Amino acid sequence: MVTRKNNRRKKLDRKENRKVRNATKVSAHGITFKSKLEKMVYETLVEEGLNPKYEPITYTVWKGFRPTVPSYERSTKTKKLELAVKKLIDIRYTPDFILEYDGVTAIIEAKGKENELFPMRKKLFLGLLEKMPNTIYFVVRTKKETLEAIEIIKQYANENN
């Protein structure tokens, strides 16, 4: 009986990863934001004369494949080892905001609490960004950091024009 409860908790934990933790969905400007932080970042960017797009692109940071090496895993039905033939799915990353400013692309992630997958996805995404010229990336947690990011974007654009 205890095992079953633990398994249920694990399933609930996995589902929890799909939403932003401890966040309140907010609608404003015709957009439903996943958190109040995202709304604040959006409004700050707009107030500063920038034109951010909210979650416009999902990047594939690692391409999935069908393994050719035999891999055996415990079956949930038979409790015996069985050949795993499932395709490994892509790993994707959707940044919160993307904006263009004087030939510079700025990608901004508004991050409150990080889930356990974010550090890995961020590293994979940074590897992808190496192939994207005139692109800068920010992870902001406060209005002050958002304003600092805006100043860096404007300074970076002036230096590269």
N, C-alpha and C. Protein backbone atom coordinates (compact mmCIF):
# COMPACT_ATOMS: atom_id res chain seq x y z
N MET A 1 0.82 -1.19 0.00
CA MET A 1 0.00 0.00 0.00
C MET A 1 0.86 1.26 0.00
N VAL A 2 1.92 1.29 0.77
CA VAL A 2 2.80 2.45 0.84
C VAL A 2 3.45 2.70 -0.51
N THR A 3 3.84 1.63 -1.18
CA THR A 3 4.48 1.76 -2.48
C THR A 3 3.56 2.47 -3.47
N ARG A 4 2.31 2.09 -3.44
CA ARG A 4 1.35 2.70 -4.35
C ARG A 4 1.24 4.20 -4.12
N LYS A 5 1.20 4.63 -2.88
CA LYS A 5 1.12 6.05 -2.57
C LYS A 5 2.36 6.77 -3.09
N ASN A 6 3.53 6.17 -2.90
CA ASN A 6 4.76 6.78 -3.40
C ASN A 6 4.73 6.89 -4.92
N ASN A 7 4.23 5.87 -5.60
CA ASN A 7 4.15 5.92 -7.06
C ASN A 7 3.21 7.03 -7.50
N ARG A 8 2.11 7.21 -6.79
CA ARG A 8 1.18 8.29 -7.14
C ARG A 8 1.84 9.64 -6.98
N ARG A 9 2.61 9.80 -5.90
CA ARG A 9 3.31 11.07 -5.69
C ARG A 9 4.28 11.34 -6.83
N LYS A 10 4.99 10.31 -7.26
CA LYS A 10 5.94 10.49 -8.36
C LYS A 10 5.22 10.93 -9.62
N LYS A 11 4.06 10.35 -9.90
CA LYS A 11 3.30 10.74 -11.08
C LYS A 11 2.85 12.19 -10.97
N LEU A 12 2.39 12.60 -9.79
CA LEU A 12 1.98 13.98 -9.59
C LEU A 12 3.16 14.92 -9.76
N ASP A 13 4.35 14.53 -9.24
CA ASP A 13 5.54 15.36 -9.39
C ASP A 13 5.88 15.56 -10.86
N ARG A 14 5.77 14.51 -11.66
CA ARG A 14 6.08 14.63 -13.08
C ARG A 14 5.11 15.58 -13.77
N LYS A 15 3.84 15.51 -13.41
CA LYS A 15 2.85 16.42 -14.00
C LYS A 15 3.13 17.85 -13.59
N GLU A 16 3.60 18.04 -12.36
CA GLU A 16 3.86 19.39 -11.85
C GLU A 16 4.93 20.09 -12.68
N ASN A 17 5.85 19.33 -13.26
CA ASN A 17 6.93 19.91 -14.05
C ASN A 17 6.41 20.66 -15.28
N ARG A 18 5.21 20.36 -15.70
CA ARG A 18 4.67 20.97 -16.91
C ARG A 18 4.22 22.40 -16.70
N LYS A 19 4.02 22.80 -15.47
CA LYS A 19 3.59 24.17 -15.20
C LYS A 19 4.67 24.90 -14.43
N VAL A 20 4.55 26.21 -14.39
CA VAL A 20 5.49 27.01 -13.63
C VAL A 20 5.14 26.85 -12.16
N ARG A 21 6.12 26.51 -11.34
CA ARG A 21 5.86 26.28 -9.92
C ARG A 21 5.52 27.58 -9.19
N ASN A 22 4.55 27.47 -8.30
CA ASN A 22 4.14 28.60 -7.46
C ASN A 22 3.85 29.86 -8.26
N ALA A 23 3.31 29.71 -9.44
CA ALA A 23 3.04 30.87 -10.30
C ALA A 23 1.53 31.04 -10.46
N THR A 24 1.15 32.26 -10.69
CA THR A 24 -0.25 32.60 -10.92
C THR A 24 -0.40 33.08 -12.35
N LYS A 25 -1.24 32.39 -13.12
CA LYS A 25 -1.49 32.83 -14.49
C LYS A 25 -2.17 34.20 -14.46
N VAL A 26 -1.74 35.05 -15.40
CA VAL A 26 -2.26 36.42 -15.46
C VAL A 26 -2.51 36.78 -16.91
N SER A 27 -3.66 37.40 -17.19
CA SER A 27 -3.95 37.87 -18.54
C SER A 27 -3.85 39.38 -18.58
N ALA A 28 -3.14 39.87 -19.59
CA ALA A 28 -3.01 41.31 -19.81
C ALA A 28 -2.54 41.53 -21.23
N HIS A 29 -2.94 42.63 -21.84
CA HIS A 29 -2.51 43.00 -23.19
C HIS A 29 -2.86 41.92 -24.22
N GLY A 30 -3.93 41.17 -23.96
CA GLY A 30 -4.36 40.12 -24.87
C GLY A 30 -3.50 38.87 -24.81
N ILE A 31 -2.66 38.74 -23.78
CA ILE A 31 -1.76 37.60 -23.63
C ILE A 31 -2.03 36.95 -22.27
N THR A 32 -2.02 35.64 -22.22
CA THR A 32 -2.10 34.94 -20.94
C THR A 32 -0.68 34.53 -20.55
N PHE A 33 -0.14 35.19 -19.55
CA PHE A 33 1.20 34.90 -19.07
C PHE A 33 1.14 33.77 -18.05
N LYS A 34 2.20 32.99 -17.95
CA LYS A 34 2.25 31.88 -17.01
C LYS A 34 2.55 32.34 -15.59
N SER A 35 3.00 33.59 -15.44
CA SER A 35 3.30 34.10 -14.10
C SER A 35 3.20 35.62 -14.07
N LYS A 36 3.10 36.17 -12.87
CA LYS A 36 3.10 37.62 -12.70
C LYS A 36 4.46 38.20 -13.09
N LEU A 37 5.52 37.44 -12.87
CA LEU A 37 6.87 37.89 -13.25
C LEU A 37 6.95 38.11 -14.76
N GLU A 38 6.43 37.17 -15.54
CA GLU A 38 6.46 37.32 -17.00
C GLU A 38 5.68 38.57 -17.43
N LYS A 39 4.55 38.81 -16.80
CA LYS A 39 3.75 40.01 -17.12
C LYS A 39 4.55 41.27 -16.81
N MET A 40 5.21 41.29 -15.66
CA MET A 40 6.01 42.46 -15.27
C MET A 40 7.15 42.70 -16.26
N VAL A 41 7.84 41.63 -16.66
CA VAL A 41 8.94 41.76 -17.62
C VAL A 41 8.40 42.29 -18.94
N TYR A 42 7.29 41.75 -19.42
CA TYR A 42 6.69 42.21 -20.68
C TYR A 42 6.37 43.70 -20.60
N GLU A 43 5.69 44.10 -19.53
CA GLU A 43 5.30 45.51 -19.40
C GLU A 43 6.51 46.43 -19.31
N THR A 44 7.55 45.99 -18.63
CA THR A 44 8.78 46.79 -18.52
C THR A 44 9.43 46.95 -19.88
N LEU A 45 9.49 45.87 -20.66
CA LEU A 45 10.08 45.95 -22.01
C LEU A 45 9.29 46.91 -22.89
N VAL A 46 7.96 46.84 -22.82
CA VAL A 46 7.11 47.72 -23.63
C VAL A 46 7.27 49.18 -23.19
N GLU A 47 7.30 49.41 -21.88
CA GLU A 47 7.48 50.77 -21.35
C GLU A 47 8.79 51.40 -21.83
N GLU A 48 9.79 50.58 -22.04
CA GLU A 48 11.10 51.06 -22.49
C GLU A 48 11.20 51.15 -24.01
N GLY A 49 10.07 50.99 -24.69
CA GLY A 49 10.03 51.18 -26.14
C GLY A 49 10.44 49.96 -26.96
N LEU A 50 10.49 48.81 -26.35
CA LEU A 50 10.84 47.59 -27.07
C LEU A 50 9.57 46.85 -27.45
N ASN A 51 9.68 45.96 -28.42
CA ASN A 51 8.53 45.22 -28.92
C ASN A 51 8.76 43.72 -28.72
N PRO A 52 8.57 43.22 -27.49
CA PRO A 52 8.83 41.80 -27.24
C PRO A 52 7.71 40.91 -27.77
N LYS A 53 8.08 39.73 -28.17
CA LYS A 53 7.10 38.71 -28.56
C LYS A 53 7.14 37.64 -27.48
N TYR A 54 5.96 37.22 -27.02
CA TYR A 54 5.86 36.26 -25.92
C TYR A 54 5.83 34.83 -26.46
N GLU A 55 6.81 34.04 -26.08
CA GLU A 55 6.95 32.63 -26.45
C GLU A 55 6.67 32.39 -27.95
N PRO A 56 7.36 33.12 -28.84
CA PRO A 56 7.06 32.98 -30.26
C PRO A 56 7.66 31.74 -30.92
N ILE A 57 8.76 31.22 -30.37
CA ILE A 57 9.47 30.12 -31.02
C ILE A 57 9.84 29.06 -30.00
N THR A 58 9.69 27.81 -30.40
CA THR A 58 10.20 26.69 -29.60
C THR A 58 11.37 26.10 -30.36
N TYR A 59 12.51 26.07 -29.69
CA TYR A 59 13.74 25.54 -30.30
C TYR A 59 13.92 24.08 -29.93
N THR A 60 14.38 23.28 -30.87
CA THR A 60 14.79 21.91 -30.57
C THR A 60 16.27 21.96 -30.25
N VAL A 61 16.60 21.73 -28.98
CA VAL A 61 17.99 21.85 -28.54
C VAL A 61 18.73 20.52 -28.60
N TRP A 62 17.98 19.45 -28.72
CA TRP A 62 18.57 18.12 -28.88
C TRP A 62 17.60 17.28 -29.69
N LYS A 63 18.08 16.73 -30.79
CA LYS A 63 17.22 15.97 -31.70
C LYS A 63 17.11 14.53 -31.22
N GLY A 64 15.88 14.07 -31.05
CA GLY A 64 15.63 12.70 -30.63
C GLY A 64 15.96 11.71 -31.74
N PHE A 65 16.02 10.45 -31.38
CA PHE A 65 16.33 9.40 -32.35
C PHE A 65 15.81 8.06 -31.85
N ARG A 66 15.78 7.09 -32.75
CA ARG A 66 15.39 5.73 -32.39
C ARG A 66 16.69 4.96 -32.18
N PRO A 67 16.97 4.52 -30.95
CA PRO A 67 18.22 3.82 -30.67
C PRO A 67 18.35 2.52 -31.46
N THR A 68 19.56 2.21 -31.87
CA THR A 68 19.84 0.94 -32.55
C THR A 68 20.52 -0.05 -31.61
N VAL A 69 21.06 0.44 -30.52
CA VAL A 69 21.67 -0.42 -29.52
C VAL A 69 20.56 -1.01 -28.66
N PRO A 70 20.55 -2.33 -28.47
CA PRO A 70 19.50 -2.93 -27.64
C PRO A 70 19.52 -2.34 -26.22
N SER A 71 18.34 -1.97 -25.75
CA SER A 71 18.20 -1.39 -24.42
C SER A 71 17.02 -2.08 -23.75
N TYR A 72 17.26 -2.64 -22.58
CA TYR A 72 16.22 -3.38 -21.88
C TYR A 72 15.81 -2.63 -20.62
N GLU A 73 14.50 -2.58 -20.40
CA GLU A 73 13.96 -1.91 -19.23
C GLU A 73 12.86 -2.78 -18.62
N ARG A 74 12.60 -2.55 -17.36
CA ARG A 74 11.57 -3.29 -16.66
C ARG A 74 10.19 -2.87 -17.17
N SER A 75 9.41 -3.83 -17.56
CA SER A 75 8.05 -3.57 -18.02
C SER A 75 7.15 -3.32 -16.81
N THR A 76 6.29 -2.33 -16.91
CA THR A 76 5.37 -2.05 -15.81
C THR A 76 4.27 -3.11 -15.73
N LYS A 77 4.00 -3.78 -16.84
CA LYS A 77 2.94 -4.79 -16.85
C LYS A 77 3.45 -6.15 -16.36
N THR A 78 4.54 -6.62 -16.98
CA THR A 78 5.02 -7.97 -16.67
C THR A 78 6.07 -7.99 -15.57
N LYS A 79 6.64 -6.86 -15.22
CA LYS A 79 7.70 -6.74 -14.21
C LYS A 79 8.97 -7.49 -14.62
N LYS A 80 9.12 -7.75 -15.92
CA LYS A 80 10.32 -8.41 -16.45
C LYS A 80 11.03 -7.45 -17.39
N LEU A 81 12.29 -7.73 -17.66
CA LEU A 81 13.03 -6.90 -18.60
C LEU A 81 12.53 -7.14 -20.01
N GLU A 82 12.25 -6.06 -20.72
CA GLU A 82 11.79 -6.13 -22.10
C GLU A 82 12.58 -5.14 -22.94
N LEU A 83 12.68 -5.45 -24.22
CA LEU A 83 13.39 -4.58 -25.14
C LEU A 83 12.63 -3.27 -25.28
N ALA A 84 13.33 -2.15 -25.04
CA ALA A 84 12.73 -0.83 -25.18
C ALA A 84 12.92 -0.39 -26.63
N VAL A 85 11.82 -0.14 -27.32
CA VAL A 85 11.90 0.22 -28.73
C VAL A 85 11.36 1.62 -29.00
N LYS A 86 11.13 2.38 -27.93
CA LYS A 86 10.59 3.73 -28.10
C LYS A 86 11.65 4.69 -28.62
N LYS A 87 11.17 5.64 -29.42
CA LYS A 87 12.04 6.71 -29.88
C LYS A 87 12.31 7.65 -28.71
N LEU A 88 13.53 8.13 -28.60
CA LEU A 88 13.86 9.15 -27.61
C LEU A 88 13.40 10.48 -28.20
N ILE A 89 12.51 11.17 -27.49
CA ILE A 89 11.90 12.38 -28.04
C ILE A 89 12.86 13.57 -27.98
N ASP A 90 12.57 14.57 -28.81
CA ASP A 90 13.37 15.79 -28.83
C ASP A 90 13.33 16.49 -27.48
N ILE A 91 14.37 17.25 -27.18
CA ILE A 91 14.36 18.15 -26.03
C ILE A 91 14.16 19.54 -26.59
N ARG A 92 13.11 20.21 -26.13
CA ARG A 92 12.76 21.53 -26.66
C ARG A 92 12.87 22.58 -25.58
N TYR A 93 13.02 23.83 -26.05
CA TYR A 93 13.12 24.96 -25.12
C TYR A 93 12.38 26.15 -25.73
N THR A 94 11.48 26.73 -24.96
CA THR A 94 10.73 27.90 -25.41
C THR A 94 11.06 29.07 -24.50
N PRO A 95 11.88 30.02 -24.98
CA PRO A 95 12.17 31.19 -24.14
C PRO A 95 10.93 32.07 -24.01
N ASP A 96 10.89 32.83 -22.93
CA ASP A 96 9.71 33.65 -22.66
C ASP A 96 9.54 34.80 -23.65
N PHE A 97 10.63 35.53 -23.93
CA PHE A 97 10.53 36.70 -24.80
C PHE A 97 11.66 36.73 -25.82
N ILE A 98 11.32 37.16 -27.03
CA ILE A 98 12.32 37.41 -28.07
C ILE A 98 11.99 38.78 -28.65
N LEU A 99 13.03 39.58 -28.80
CA LEU A 99 12.82 40.89 -29.40
C LEU A 99 14.01 41.26 -30.29
N GLU A 100 13.73 42.10 -31.26
CA GLU A 100 14.76 42.62 -32.15
C GLU A 100 14.97 44.09 -31.81
N TYR A 101 16.25 44.50 -31.71
CA TYR A 101 16.55 45.90 -31.44
C TYR A 101 17.81 46.27 -32.21
N ASP A 102 17.68 47.11 -33.23
CA ASP A 102 18.79 47.58 -34.04
C ASP A 102 19.74 46.46 -34.49
N GLY A 103 19.16 45.41 -35.05
CA GLY A 103 19.97 44.32 -35.59
C GLY A 103 20.44 43.30 -34.56
N VAL A 104 20.02 43.46 -33.31
CA VAL A 104 20.39 42.52 -32.25
C VAL A 104 19.14 41.75 -31.83
N THR A 105 19.28 40.46 -31.70
CA THR A 105 18.19 39.64 -31.19
C THR A 105 18.45 39.40 -29.71
N ALA A 106 17.49 39.74 -28.89
CA ALA A 106 17.60 39.51 -27.44
C ALA A 106 16.57 38.46 -27.05
N ILE A 107 17.06 37.46 -26.32
CA ILE A 107 16.20 36.40 -25.82
C ILE A 107 16.20 36.52 -24.30
N ILE A 108 15.01 36.64 -23.74
CA ILE A 108 14.90 36.88 -22.30
C ILE A 108 14.04 35.79 -21.66
N GLU A 109 14.58 35.19 -20.63
CA GLU A 109 13.88 34.19 -19.84
C GLU A 109 13.57 34.81 -18.49
N ALA A 110 12.27 34.90 -18.14
CA ALA A 110 11.86 35.39 -16.82
C ALA A 110 11.75 34.17 -15.92
N LYS A 111 12.61 34.10 -14.93
CA LYS A 111 12.69 32.88 -14.14
C LYS A 111 12.50 33.17 -12.66
N GLY A 112 11.47 32.58 -12.10
CA GLY A 112 11.27 32.64 -10.65
C GLY A 112 11.98 31.44 -10.05
N LYS A 113 11.21 30.41 -9.74
CA LYS A 113 11.81 29.16 -9.25
C LYS A 113 12.16 28.28 -10.44
N GLU A 114 13.37 27.76 -10.43
CA GLU A 114 13.78 26.86 -11.51
C GLU A 114 13.30 25.45 -11.21
N ASN A 115 12.82 24.76 -12.24
CA ASN A 115 12.52 23.35 -12.05
C ASN A 115 13.82 22.57 -12.29
N GLU A 116 13.78 21.29 -12.07
CA GLU A 116 15.01 20.49 -12.16
C GLU A 116 15.55 20.36 -13.58
N LEU A 117 14.73 20.60 -14.59
CA LEU A 117 15.18 20.46 -15.98
C LEU A 117 15.79 21.73 -16.55
N PHE A 118 15.49 22.87 -15.97
CA PHE A 118 15.92 24.14 -16.56
C PHE A 118 17.44 24.24 -16.76
N PRO A 119 18.29 23.90 -15.79
CA PRO A 119 19.74 24.04 -16.02
C PRO A 119 20.24 23.25 -17.24
N MET A 120 19.72 22.04 -17.44
CA MET A 120 20.13 21.24 -18.60
C MET A 120 19.64 21.87 -19.90
N ARG A 121 18.39 22.27 -19.95
CA ARG A 121 17.85 22.90 -21.17
C ARG A 121 18.58 24.20 -21.48
N LYS A 122 18.90 24.95 -20.45
CA LYS A 122 19.62 26.21 -20.65
C LYS A 122 20.99 25.95 -21.27
N LYS A 123 21.71 24.96 -20.77
CA LYS A 123 23.04 24.63 -21.32
C LYS A 123 22.93 24.21 -22.78
N LEU A 124 21.95 23.37 -23.09
CA LEU A 124 21.76 22.94 -24.47
C LEU A 124 21.40 24.13 -25.36
N PHE A 125 20.56 25.03 -24.84
CA PHE A 125 20.15 26.21 -25.60
C PHE A 125 21.34 27.14 -25.83
N LEU A 126 22.19 27.33 -24.82
CA LEU A 126 23.38 28.17 -24.99
C LEU A 126 24.28 27.61 -26.08
N GLY A 127 24.37 26.29 -26.19
CA GLY A 127 25.13 25.67 -27.27
C GLY A 127 24.54 26.02 -28.63
N LEU A 128 23.21 26.03 -28.72
CA LEU A 128 22.53 26.41 -29.96
C LEU A 128 22.77 27.87 -30.29
N LEU A 129 22.81 28.73 -29.27
CA LEU A 129 23.01 30.17 -29.48
C LEU A 129 24.38 30.49 -30.07
N GLU A 130 25.35 29.61 -29.88
CA GLU A 130 26.68 29.82 -30.44
C GLU A 130 26.64 29.98 -31.96
N LYS A 131 25.62 29.42 -32.58
CA LYS A 131 25.47 29.47 -34.04
C LYS A 131 24.60 30.63 -34.50
N MET A 132 24.18 31.48 -33.57
CA MET A 132 23.28 32.58 -33.90
C MET A 132 23.99 33.91 -33.66
N PRO A 133 24.47 34.56 -34.73
CA PRO A 133 25.20 35.83 -34.54
C PRO A 133 24.28 36.96 -34.06
N ASN A 134 24.89 37.94 -33.39
CA ASN A 134 24.16 39.11 -32.87
C ASN A 134 22.96 38.74 -32.01
N THR A 135 23.13 37.71 -31.19
CA THR A 135 22.08 37.28 -30.28
C THR A 135 22.64 37.30 -28.87
N ILE A 136 21.83 37.85 -27.95
CA ILE A 136 22.22 37.83 -26.54
C ILE A 136 21.09 37.22 -25.72
N TYR A 137 21.46 36.62 -24.61
CA TYR A 137 20.52 35.85 -23.80
C TYR A 137 20.55 36.34 -22.36
N PHE A 138 19.38 36.46 -21.76
CA PHE A 138 19.26 36.92 -20.38
C PHE A 138 18.32 36.01 -19.60
N VAL A 139 18.66 35.79 -18.34
CA VAL A 139 17.74 35.18 -17.38
C VAL A 139 17.53 36.24 -16.31
N VAL A 140 16.30 36.75 -16.22
CA VAL A 140 16.01 37.83 -15.26
C VAL A 140 15.01 37.33 -14.22
N ARG A 141 15.16 37.87 -13.00
CA ARG A 141 14.30 37.47 -11.90
C ARG A 141 13.56 38.65 -11.26
N THR A 142 13.99 39.88 -11.58
CA THR A 142 13.40 41.07 -10.95
C THR A 142 13.25 42.18 -11.98
N LYS A 143 12.54 43.24 -11.59
CA LYS A 143 12.41 44.40 -12.47
C LYS A 143 13.76 45.07 -12.65
N LYS A 144 14.55 45.14 -11.58
CA LYS A 144 15.88 45.75 -11.66
C LYS A 144 16.74 45.02 -12.69
N GLU A 145 16.73 43.68 -12.65
CA GLU A 145 17.50 42.91 -13.64
C GLU A 145 16.96 43.12 -15.05
N THR A 146 15.65 43.28 -15.18
CA THR A 146 15.04 43.52 -16.50
C THR A 146 15.53 44.86 -17.05
N LEU A 147 15.56 45.89 -16.21
CA LEU A 147 16.05 47.20 -16.63
C LEU A 147 17.55 47.13 -16.99
N GLU A 148 18.33 46.37 -16.23
CA GLU A 148 19.74 46.18 -16.56
C GLU A 148 19.89 45.49 -17.92
N ALA A 149 19.05 44.49 -18.16
CA ALA A 149 19.09 43.77 -19.44
C ALA A 149 18.78 44.71 -20.60
N ILE A 150 17.82 45.60 -20.41
CA ILE A 150 17.45 46.57 -21.46
C ILE A 150 18.64 47.47 -21.77
N GLU A 151 19.32 47.96 -20.74
CA GLU A 151 20.50 48.81 -20.95
C GLU A 151 21.60 48.05 -21.70
N ILE A 152 21.80 46.79 -21.35
CA ILE A 152 22.82 45.97 -22.03
C ILE A 152 22.44 45.77 -23.49
N ILE A 153 21.16 45.52 -23.76
CA ILE A 153 20.69 45.34 -25.15
C ILE A 153 20.99 46.59 -25.97
N LYS A 154 20.62 47.75 -25.42
CA LYS A 154 20.84 49.02 -26.14
C LYS A 154 22.33 49.29 -26.34
N GLN A 155 23.13 49.04 -25.32
CA GLN A 155 24.58 49.24 -25.42
C GLN A 155 25.20 48.28 -26.44
N TYR A 156 24.78 47.02 -26.41
CA TYR A 156 25.29 46.01 -27.33
C TYR A 156 24.93 46.38 -28.78
N ALA A 157 23.72 46.90 -28.98
CA ALA A 157 23.30 47.29 -30.33
C ALA A 157 24.14 48.47 -30.83
N ASN A 158 24.42 49.45 -29.96
CA ASN A 158 25.23 50.61 -30.35
C ASN A 158 26.66 50.21 -30.70
N GLU A 159 27.21 49.25 -29.96
CA GLU A 159 28.59 48.80 -30.21
C GLU A 159 28.70 48.00 -31.50
N ASN A 160 27.64 47.31 -31.89
CA ASN A 160 27.70 46.43 -33.07
C ASN A 160 27.13 47.08 -34.32
N ASN A 161 26.79 48.35 -34.27
CA ASN A 161 26.29 49.05 -35.48
C ASN A 161 27.30 50.05 -35.97
